[in-house]
Amino acid sequence: MLTAVYKSNKKADTYLFVEKRDDFSKVPEPLIAMFGQPQYVMLINLAKREYLGGADLNTVKQALSNEGFYLQIPPPEENLLDEFKKAKGVESD
């Protein structure tokens, strides 16, 4: 399963996987507007991969099969102050 990977020029660490290079026909227009001009990163063969760095391989494959694309977004940033308060037993506001 060959997949083209693009990075967003608007959102840091955000990637779009599509079935065919430069074919965004299955990606909803509002998503493309939010994502910005896709910047090509690489072409990968998911069939020969055991894992992906920032996404679950099976989730990516399933989304590509069902929807024709997969959007990888970074995990939410930790609120270090809340984590510190929690470690110290202090209630958050």
PDB file of N, CA and C in Angstrom:
ATOM      1  N   MET A   1       0.842  -1.172   0.000  1.00  0.00           N
ATOM      2  CA  MET A   1       0.000   0.000   0.000  1.00  0.00           C
ATOM      3  C   MET A   1       0.891   1.241   0.000  1.00  0.00           C
ATOM      4  N   LEU A   2       1.115   1.817  -1.165  1.00  0.00           N
ATOM      5  CA  LEU A   2       1.910   3.037  -1.266  1.00  0.00           C
ATOM      6  C   LEU A   2       1.093   4.231  -0.800  1.00  0.00           C
ATOM      7  N   THR A   3       1.726   5.103  -0.055  1.00  0.00           N
ATOM      8  CA  THR A   3       1.068   6.264   0.523  1.00  0.00           C
ATOM      9  C   THR A   3       1.976   7.472   0.422  1.00  0.00           C
ATOM     10  N   ALA A   4       1.406   8.593  -0.003  1.00  0.00           N
ATOM     11  CA  ALA A   4       2.155   9.845  -0.063  1.00  0.00           C
ATOM     12  C   ALA A   4       1.909  10.620   1.229  1.00  0.00           C
ATOM     13  N   VAL A   5       2.964  11.177   1.778  1.00  0.00           N
ATOM     14  CA  VAL A   5       2.882  11.914   3.037  1.00  0.00           C
ATOM     15  C   VAL A   5       3.234  13.376   2.774  1.00  0.00           C
ATOM     16  N   TYR A   6       2.422  14.269   3.320  1.00  0.00           N
ATOM     17  CA  TYR A   6       2.615  15.716   3.173  1.00  0.00           C
ATOM     18  C   TYR A   6       2.602  16.353   4.549  1.00  0.00           C
ATOM     19  N   LYS A   7       3.376  17.431   4.698  1.00  0.00           N
ATOM     20  CA  LYS A   7       3.330  18.185   5.946  1.00  0.00           C
ATOM     21  C   LYS A   7       2.589  19.490   5.706  1.00  0.00           C
ATOM     22  N   SER A   8       2.042  20.008   6.783  1.00  0.00           N
ATOM     23  CA  SER A   8       1.293  21.252   6.716  1.00  0.00           C
ATOM     24  C   SER A   8       2.246  22.443   6.789  1.00  0.00           C
ATOM     25  N   ASN A   9       1.926  23.483   6.035  1.00  0.00           N
ATOM     26  CA  ASN A   9       2.713  24.706   6.161  1.00  0.00           C
ATOM     27  C   ASN A   9       2.065  25.670   7.146  1.00  0.00           C
ATOM     28  N   LYS A  10       0.920  25.273   7.723  1.00  0.00           N
ATOM     29  CA  LYS A  10       0.230  26.114   8.706  1.00  0.00           C
ATOM     30  C   LYS A  10       0.276  25.549  10.121  1.00  0.00           C
ATOM     31  N   LYS A  11       0.307  24.229  10.240  1.00  0.00           N
ATOM     32  CA  LYS A  11       0.237  23.569  11.542  1.00  0.00           C
ATOM     33  C   LYS A  11       1.486  22.730  11.766  1.00  0.00           C
ATOM     34  N   ALA A  12       2.218  23.030  12.823  1.00  0.00           N
ATOM     35  CA  ALA A  12       3.451  22.296  13.126  1.00  0.00           C
ATOM     36  C   ALA A  12       3.159  20.833  13.430  1.00  0.00           C
ATOM     37  N   ASP A  13       4.020  19.954  12.971  1.00  0.00           N
ATOM     38  CA  ASP A  13       3.948  18.513  13.239  1.00  0.00           C
ATOM     39  C   ASP A  13       2.617  17.889  12.813  1.00  0.00           C
ATOM     40  N   THR A  14       2.019  18.425  11.757  1.00  0.00           N
ATOM     41  CA  THR A  14       0.761  17.913  11.229  1.00  0.00           C
ATOM     42  C   THR A  14       1.009  17.358   9.837  1.00  0.00           C
ATOM     43  N   TYR A  15       0.583  16.105   9.613  1.00  0.00           N
ATOM     44  CA  TYR A  15       0.866  15.415   8.368  1.00  0.00           C
ATOM     45  C   TYR A  15      -0.411  14.837   7.769  1.00  0.00           C
ATOM     46  N   LEU A  16      -0.456  14.808   6.457  1.00  0.00           N
ATOM     47  CA  LEU A  16      -1.585  14.265   5.719  1.00  0.00           C
ATOM     48  C   LEU A  16      -1.092  13.109   4.867  1.00  0.00           C
ATOM     49  N   PHE A  17      -1.720  11.947   5.028  1.00  0.00           N
ATOM     50  CA  PHE A  17      -1.408  10.756   4.252  1.00  0.00           C
ATOM     51  C   PHE A  17      -2.513  10.600   3.207  1.00  0.00           C
ATOM     52  N   VAL A  18      -2.150  10.437   1.953  1.00  0.00           N
ATOM     53  CA  VAL A  18      -3.132  10.210   0.881  1.00  0.00           C
ATOM     54  C   VAL A  18      -2.714   8.994   0.068  1.00  0.00           C
ATOM     55  N   GLU A  19      -3.700   8.420  -0.628  1.00  0.00           N
ATOM     56  CA  GLU A  19      -3.459   7.186  -1.377  1.00  0.00           C
ATOM     57  C   GLU A  19      -2.541   7.381  -2.575  1.00  0.00           C
ATOM     58  N   LYS A  20      -2.661   8.516  -3.249  1.00  0.00           N
ATOM     59  CA  LYS A  20      -1.856   8.774  -4.439  1.00  0.00           C
ATOM     60  C   LYS A  20      -1.216  10.145  -4.324  1.00  0.00           C
ATOM     61  N   ARG A  21       0.008  10.241  -4.806  1.00  0.00           N
ATOM     62  CA  ARG A  21       0.727  11.506  -4.742  1.00  0.00           C
ATOM     63  C   ARG A  21      -0.035  12.605  -5.485  1.00  0.00           C
ATOM     64  N   ASP A  22      -0.177  13.734  -4.819  1.00  0.00           N
ATOM     65  CA  ASP A  22      -0.830  14.941  -5.352  1.00  0.00           C
ATOM     66  C   ASP A  22      -2.315  14.750  -5.661  1.00  0.00           C
ATOM     67  N   ASP A  23      -2.948  13.720  -5.106  1.00  0.00           N
ATOM     68  CA  ASP A  23      -4.382  13.511  -5.285  1.00  0.00           C
ATOM     69  C   ASP A  23      -5.090  13.792  -3.963  1.00  0.00           C
ATOM     70  N   PHE A  24      -5.661  14.993  -3.863  1.00  0.00           N
ATOM     71  CA  PHE A  24      -6.352  15.408  -2.643  1.00  0.00           C
ATOM     72  C   PHE A  24      -7.860  15.419  -2.843  1.00  0.00           C
ATOM     73  N   SER A  25      -8.344  14.696  -3.848  1.00  0.00           N
ATOM     74  CA  SER A  25      -9.762  14.714  -4.192  1.00  0.00           C
ATOM     75  C   SER A  25     -10.657  14.155  -3.082  1.00  0.00           C
ATOM     76  N   LYS A  26     -10.134  13.271  -2.239  1.00  0.00           N
ATOM     77  CA  LYS A  26     -10.937  12.690  -1.152  1.00  0.00           C
ATOM     78  C   LYS A  26     -10.814  13.456   0.158  1.00  0.00           C
ATOM     79  N   VAL A  27      -9.959  14.475   0.183  1.00  0.00           N
ATOM     80  CA  VAL A  27      -9.759  15.269   1.395  1.00  0.00           C
ATOM     81  C   VAL A  27     -10.776  16.418   1.389  1.00  0.00           C
ATOM     82  N   PRO A  28     -11.564  16.554   2.460  1.00  0.00           N
ATOM     83  CA  PRO A  28     -12.554  17.624   2.499  1.00  0.00           C
ATOM     84  C   PRO A  28     -11.911  19.016   2.366  1.00  0.00           C
ATOM     85  N   GLU A  29     -12.563  19.893   1.650  1.00  0.00           N
ATOM     86  CA  GLU A  29     -12.041  21.243   1.402  1.00  0.00           C
ATOM     87  C   GLU A  29     -11.749  22.012   2.700  1.00  0.00           C
ATOM     88  N   PRO A  30     -12.634  21.950   3.726  1.00  0.00           N
ATOM     89  CA  PRO A  30     -12.302  22.663   4.972  1.00  0.00           C
ATOM     90  C   PRO A  30     -11.007  22.162   5.616  1.00  0.00           C
ATOM     91  N   LEU A  31     -10.720  20.865   5.471  1.00  0.00           N
ATOM     92  CA  LEU A  31      -9.480  20.312   6.011  1.00  0.00           C
ATOM     93  C   LEU A  31      -8.277  20.855   5.249  1.00  0.00           C
ATOM     94  N   ILE A  32      -8.379  20.925   3.929  1.00  0.00           N
ATOM     95  CA  ILE A  32      -7.285  21.477   3.126  1.00  0.00           C
ATOM     96  C   ILE A  32      -7.075  22.951   3.482  1.00  0.00           C
ATOM     97  N   ALA A  33      -8.158  23.690   3.702  1.00  0.00           N
ATOM     98  CA  ALA A  33      -8.038  25.107   4.070  1.00  0.00           C
ATOM     99  C   ALA A  33      -7.307  25.262   5.403  1.00  0.00           C
ATOM    100  N   MET A  34      -7.614  24.399   6.374  1.00  0.00           N
ATOM    101  CA  MET A  34      -6.953  24.447   7.668  1.00  0.00           C
ATOM    102  C   MET A  34      -5.504  23.976   7.560  1.00  0.00           C
ATOM    103  N   PHE A  35      -5.277  22.964   6.739  1.00  0.00           N
ATOM    104  CA  PHE A  35      -3.959  22.340   6.594  1.00  0.00           C
ATOM    105  C   PHE A  35      -2.988  23.254   5.854  1.00  0.00           C
ATOM    106  N   GLY A  36      -3.504  24.009   4.884  1.00  0.00           N
ATOM    107  CA  GLY A  36      -2.649  24.869   4.070  1.00  0.00           C
ATOM    108  C   GLY A  36      -2.118  24.109   2.867  1.00  0.00           C
ATOM    109  N   GLN A  37      -1.230  24.740   2.141  1.00  0.00           N
ATOM    110  CA  GLN A  37      -0.633  24.118   0.952  1.00  0.00           C
ATOM    111  C   GLN A  37       0.194  22.912   1.377  1.00  0.00           C
ATOM    112  N   PRO A  38      -0.224  21.689   0.989  1.00  0.00           N
ATOM    113  CA  PRO A  38       0.533  20.500   1.384  1.00  0.00           C
ATOM    114  C   PRO A  38       1.954  20.516   0.793  1.00  0.00           C
ATOM    115  N   GLN A  39       2.917  20.183   1.634  1.00  0.00           N
ATOM    116  CA  GLN A  39       4.307  20.106   1.205  1.00  0.00           C
ATOM    117  C   GLN A  39       4.731  18.637   1.221  1.00  0.00           C
ATOM    118  N   TYR A  40       5.059  18.127   0.038  1.00  0.00           N
ATOM    119  CA  TYR A  40       5.413  16.717  -0.102  1.00  0.00           C
ATOM    120  C   TYR A  40       6.616  16.372   0.767  1.00  0.00           C
ATOM    121  N   VAL A  41       6.489  15.237   1.487  1.00  0.00           N
ATOM    122  CA  VAL A  41       7.575  14.766   2.346  1.00  0.00           C
ATOM    123  C   VAL A  41       8.180  13.481   1.785  1.00  0.00           C
ATOM    124  N   MET A  42       7.328  12.459   1.556  1.00  0.00           N
ATOM    125  CA  MET A  42       7.852  11.177   1.090  1.00  0.00           C
ATOM    126  C   MET A  42       6.729  10.265   0.621  1.00  0.00           C
ATOM    127  N   LEU A  43       7.137   9.235  -0.063  1.00  0.00           N
ATOM    128  CA  LEU A  43       6.247   8.157  -0.484  1.00  0.00           C
ATOM    129  C   LEU A  43       6.683   6.926   0.291  1.00  0.00           C
ATOM    130  N   ILE A  44       5.759   6.298   1.032  1.00  0.00           N
ATOM    131  CA  ILE A  44       6.123   5.119   1.826  1.00  0.00           C
ATOM    132  C   ILE A  44       5.200   3.953   1.486  1.00  0.00           C
ATOM    133  N   ASN A  45       5.716   2.759   1.662  1.00  0.00           N
ATOM    134  CA  ASN A  45       4.941   1.540   1.451  1.00  0.00           C
ATOM    135  C   ASN A  45       4.518   1.025   2.823  1.00  0.00           C
ATOM    136  N   LEU A  46       3.248   1.216   3.151  1.00  0.00           N
ATOM    137  CA  LEU A  46       2.753   0.806   4.467  1.00  0.00           C
ATOM    138  C   LEU A  46       2.744  -0.707   4.633  1.00  0.00           C
ATOM    139  N   ALA A  47       2.673  -1.434   3.534  1.00  0.00           N
ATOM    140  CA  ALA A  47       2.663  -2.900   3.609  1.00  0.00           C
ATOM    141  C   ALA A  47       3.984  -3.441   4.135  1.00  0.00           C
ATOM    142  N   LYS A  48       5.050  -2.704   3.953  1.00  0.00           N
ATOM    143  CA  LYS A  48       6.371  -3.170   4.394  1.00  0.00           C
ATOM    144  C   LYS A  48       6.800  -2.561   5.725  1.00  0.00           C
ATOM    145  N   ARG A  49       5.879  -1.825   6.367  1.00  0.00           N
ATOM    146  CA  ARG A  49       6.204  -1.186   7.646  1.00  0.00           C
ATOM    147  C   ARG A  49       5.597  -1.977   8.790  1.00  0.00           C
ATOM    148  N   GLU A  50       6.275  -1.974   9.919  1.00  0.00           N
ATOM    149  CA  GLU A  50       5.730  -2.588  11.124  1.00  0.00           C
ATOM    150  C   GLU A  50       5.162  -1.534  12.061  1.00  0.00           C
ATOM    151  N   TYR A  51       5.647  -0.306  11.938  1.00  0.00           N
ATOM    152  CA  TYR A  51       5.141   0.789  12.765  1.00  0.00           C
ATOM    153  C   TYR A  51       5.424   2.114  12.072  1.00  0.00           C
ATOM    154  N   LEU A  52       4.739   3.141  12.533  1.00  0.00           N
ATOM    155  CA  LEU A  52       4.992   4.511  12.085  1.00  0.00           C
ATOM    156  C   LEU A  52       5.384   5.320  13.306  1.00  0.00           C
ATOM    157  N   GLY A  53       6.171   6.336  13.110  1.00  0.00           N
ATOM    158  CA  GLY A  53       6.666   7.123  14.234  1.00  0.00           C
ATOM    159  C   GLY A  53       5.589   7.777  15.073  1.00  0.00           C
ATOM    160  N   GLY A  54       4.685   8.513  14.447  1.00  0.00           N
ATOM    161  CA  GLY A  54       3.729   9.290  15.226  1.00  0.00           C
ATOM    162  C   GLY A  54       2.290   8.849  15.102  1.00  0.00           C
ATOM    163  N   ALA A  55       2.028   7.723  14.450  1.00  0.00           N
ATOM    164  CA  ALA A  55       0.648   7.272  14.254  1.00  0.00           C
ATOM    165  C   ALA A  55       0.593   5.760  14.305  1.00  0.00           C
ATOM    166  N   ASP A  56      -0.572   5.246  14.650  1.00  0.00           N
ATOM    167  CA  ASP A  56      -0.791   3.811  14.673  1.00  0.00           C
ATOM    168  C   ASP A  56      -0.948   3.311  13.238  1.00  0.00           C
ATOM    169  N   LEU A  57      -0.128   2.361  12.847  1.00  0.00           N
ATOM    170  CA  LEU A  57      -0.104   1.863  11.474  1.00  0.00           C
ATOM    171  C   LEU A  57      -1.463   1.335  11.023  1.00  0.00           C
ATOM    172  N   ASN A  58      -2.131   0.555  11.867  1.00  0.00           N
ATOM    173  CA  ASN A  58      -3.430  -0.004  11.490  1.00  0.00           C
ATOM    174  C   ASN A  58      -4.493   1.083  11.340  1.00  0.00           C
ATOM    175  N   THR A  59      -4.431   2.097  12.177  1.00  0.00           N
ATOM    176  CA  THR A  59      -5.373   3.220  12.075  1.00  0.00           C
ATOM    177  C   THR A  59      -5.174   3.957  10.761  1.00  0.00           C
ATOM    178  N   VAL A  60      -3.924   4.177  10.380  1.00  0.00           N
ATOM    179  CA  VAL A  60      -3.618   4.860   9.124  1.00  0.00           C
ATOM    180  C   VAL A  60      -4.129   4.037   7.941  1.00  0.00           C
ATOM    181  N   LYS A  61      -3.840   2.748   7.941  1.00  0.00           N
ATOM    182  CA  LYS A  61      -4.285   1.879   6.846  1.00  0.00           C
ATOM    183  C   LYS A  61      -5.806   1.864   6.733  1.00  0.00           C
ATOM    184  N   GLN A  62      -6.476   1.761   7.863  1.00  0.00           N
ATOM    185  CA  GLN A  62      -7.938   1.716   7.861  1.00  0.00           C
ATOM    186  C   GLN A  62      -8.526   3.033   7.351  1.00  0.00           C
ATOM    187  N   ALA A  63      -7.975   4.157   7.799  1.00  0.00           N
ATOM    188  CA  ALA A  63      -8.473   5.462   7.348  1.00  0.00           C
ATOM    189  C   ALA A  63      -8.250   5.644   5.848  1.00  0.00           C
ATOM    190  N   LEU A  64      -7.102   5.217   5.361  1.00  0.00           N
ATOM    191  CA  LEU A  64      -6.831   5.316   3.923  1.00  0.00           C
ATOM    192  C   LEU A  64      -7.803   4.456   3.117  1.00  0.00           C
ATOM    193  N   SER A  65      -8.096   3.259   3.612  1.00  0.00           N
ATOM    194  CA  SER A  65      -9.024   2.379   2.904  1.00  0.00           C
ATOM    195  C   SER A  65     -10.455   2.914   2.931  1.00  0.00           C
ATOM    196  N   ASN A  66     -10.870   3.431   4.089  1.00  0.00           N
ATOM    197  CA  ASN A  66     -12.253   3.883   4.257  1.00  0.00           C
ATOM    198  C   ASN A  66     -12.508   5.291   3.727  1.00  0.00           C
ATOM    199  N   GLU A  67     -11.573   6.210   3.981  1.00  0.00           N
ATOM    200  CA  GLU A  67     -11.802   7.619   3.670  1.00  0.00           C
ATOM    201  C   GLU A  67     -10.898   8.163   2.569  1.00  0.00           C
ATOM    202  N   GLY A  68      -9.796   7.474   2.294  1.00  0.00           N
ATOM    203  CA  GLY A  68      -8.879   7.922   1.259  1.00  0.00           C
ATOM    204  C   GLY A  68      -7.794   8.861   1.744  1.00  0.00           C
ATOM    205  N   PHE A  69      -7.790   9.155   3.047  1.00  0.00           N
ATOM    206  CA  PHE A  69      -6.751  10.017   3.628  1.00  0.00           C
ATOM    207  C   PHE A  69      -6.675   9.763   5.127  1.00  0.00           C
ATOM    208  N   TYR A  70      -5.574  10.206   5.723  1.00  0.00           N
ATOM    209  CA  TYR A  70      -5.408  10.165   7.182  1.00  0.00           C
ATOM    210  C   TYR A  70      -4.703  11.435   7.603  1.00  0.00           C
ATOM    211  N   LEU A  71      -5.214  12.100   8.625  1.00  0.00           N
ATOM    212  CA  LEU A  71      -4.603  13.312   9.162  1.00  0.00           C
ATOM    213  C   LEU A  71      -3.933  12.980  10.479  1.00  0.00           C
ATOM    214  N   GLN A  72      -2.634  13.211  10.536  1.00  0.00           N
ATOM    215  CA  GLN A  72      -1.870  12.984  11.770  1.00  0.00           C
ATOM    216  C   GLN A  72      -1.617  14.329  12.426  1.00  0.00           C
ATOM    217  N   ILE A  73      -2.142  14.507  13.633  1.00  0.00           N
ATOM    218  CA  ILE A  73      -1.918  15.742  14.370  1.00  0.00           C
ATOM    219  C   ILE A  73      -1.076  15.432  15.603  1.00  0.00           C
ATOM    220  N   PRO A  74      -0.332  16.411  16.087  1.00  0.00           N
ATOM    221  CA  PRO A  74       0.500  16.145  17.262  1.00  0.00           C
ATOM    222  C   PRO A  74      -0.370  15.986  18.504  1.00  0.00           C
ATOM    223  N   PRO A  75       0.109  15.230  19.486  1.00  0.00           N
ATOM    224  CA  PRO A  75      -0.653  15.112  20.736  1.00  0.00           C
ATOM    225  C   PRO A  75      -0.716  16.467  21.423  1.00  0.00           C
ATOM    226  N   PRO A  76      -1.751  16.684  22.232  1.00  0.00           N
ATOM    227  CA  PRO A  76      -1.838  17.970  22.929  1.00  0.00           C
ATOM    228  C   PRO A  76      -0.642  18.160  23.858  1.00  0.00           C
ATOM    229  N   GLU A  77      -0.215  19.390  23.964  1.00  0.00           N
ATOM    230  CA  GLU A  77       0.921  19.687  24.841  1.00  0.00           C
ATOM    231  C   GLU A  77       0.495  19.545  26.291  1.00  0.00           C
ATOM    232  N   GLU A  78       1.411  19.050  27.093  1.00  0.00           N
ATOM    233  CA  GLU A  78       1.148  18.923  28.518  1.00  0.00           C
ATOM    234  C   GLU A  78       1.186  20.307  29.156  1.00  0.00           C
ATOM    235  N   ASN A  79       0.301  20.519  30.101  1.00  0.00           N
ATOM    236  CA  ASN A  79       0.354  21.736  30.894  1.00  0.00           C
ATOM    237  C   ASN A  79       1.258  21.433  32.080  1.00  0.00           C
ATOM    238  N   LEU A  80       2.489  21.902  32.010  1.00  0.00           N
ATOM    239  CA  LEU A  80       3.486  21.551  33.027  1.00  0.00           C
ATOM    240  C   LEU A  80       3.120  22.083  34.402  1.00  0.00           C
ATOM    241  N   LEU A  81       2.454  23.228  34.462  1.00  0.00           N
ATOM    242  CA  LEU A  81       2.039  23.771  35.753  1.00  0.00           C
ATOM    243  C   LEU A  81       1.006  22.850  36.400  1.00  0.00           C
ATOM    244  N   ASP A  82       0.034  22.386  35.611  1.00  0.00           N
ATOM    245  CA  ASP A  82      -0.962  21.456  36.152  1.00  0.00           C
ATOM    246  C   ASP A  82      -0.317  20.156  36.600  1.00  0.00           C
ATOM    247  N   GLU A  83       0.643  19.643  35.835  1.00  0.00           N
ATOM    248  CA  GLU A  83       1.346  18.422  36.214  1.00  0.00           C
ATOM    249  C   GLU A  83       2.121  18.616  37.518  1.00  0.00           C
ATOM    250  N   PHE A  84       2.753  19.767  37.668  1.00  0.00           N
ATOM    251  CA  PHE A  84       3.499  20.071  38.892  1.00  0.00           C
ATOM    252  C   PHE A  84       2.549  20.132  40.087  1.00  0.00           C
ATOM    253  N   LYS A  85       1.422  20.841  39.905  1.00  0.00           N
ATOM    254  CA  LYS A  85       0.434  20.948  40.982  1.00  0.00           C
ATOM    255  C   LYS A  85      -0.099  19.572  41.377  1.00  0.00           C
ATOM    256  N   LYS A  86      -0.352  18.748  40.394  1.00  0.00           N
ATOM    257  CA  LYS A  86      -0.874  17.404  40.636  1.00  0.00           C
ATOM    258  C   LYS A  86       0.149  16.568  41.417  1.00  0.00           C
ATOM    259  N   ALA A  87       1.426  16.700  41.047  1.00  0.00           N
ATOM    260  CA  ALA A  87       2.483  15.956  41.745  1.00  0.00           C
ATOM    261  C   ALA A  87       2.634  16.414  43.184  1.00  0.00           C
ATOM    262  N   LYS A  88       2.336  17.691  43.432  1.00  0.00           N
ATOM    263  CA  LYS A  88       2.474  18.258  44.783  1.00  0.00           C
ATOM    264  C   LYS A  88       1.188  18.160  45.585  1.00  0.00           C
ATOM    265  N   GLY A  89       0.122  17.637  44.958  1.00  0.00           N
ATOM    266  CA  GLY A  89      -1.146  17.487  45.658  1.00  0.00           C
ATOM    267  C   GLY A  89      -1.948  18.770  45.765  1.00  0.00           C
ATOM    268  N   VAL A  90      -1.692  19.722  44.884  1.00  0.00           N
ATOM    269  CA  VAL A  90      -2.395  20.994  44.917  1.00  0.00           C
ATOM    270  C   VAL A  90      -3.562  20.920  43.920  1.00  0.00           C
ATOM    271  N   GLU A  91      -4.719  21.407  44.349  1.00  0.00           N
ATOM    272  CA  GLU A  91      -5.896  21.423  43.468  1.00  0.00           C
ATOM    273  C   GLU A  91      -5.727  22.449  42.370  1.00  0.00           C
ATOM    274  N   SER A  92      -6.113  22.087  41.141  1.00  0.00           N
ATOM    275  CA  SER A  92      -6.101  23.032  40.017  1.00  0.00           C
ATOM    276  C   SER A  92      -7.368  23.844  40.053  1.00  0.00           C
ATOM    277  N   ASP A  93      -7.302  25.038  39.491  1.00  0.00           N
ATOM    278  CA  ASP A  93      -8.480  25.931  39.471  1.00  0.00           C
ATOM    279  C   ASP A  93      -9.529  25.438  38.535  1.00  0.00           C
TER     280      ASP A  93
END
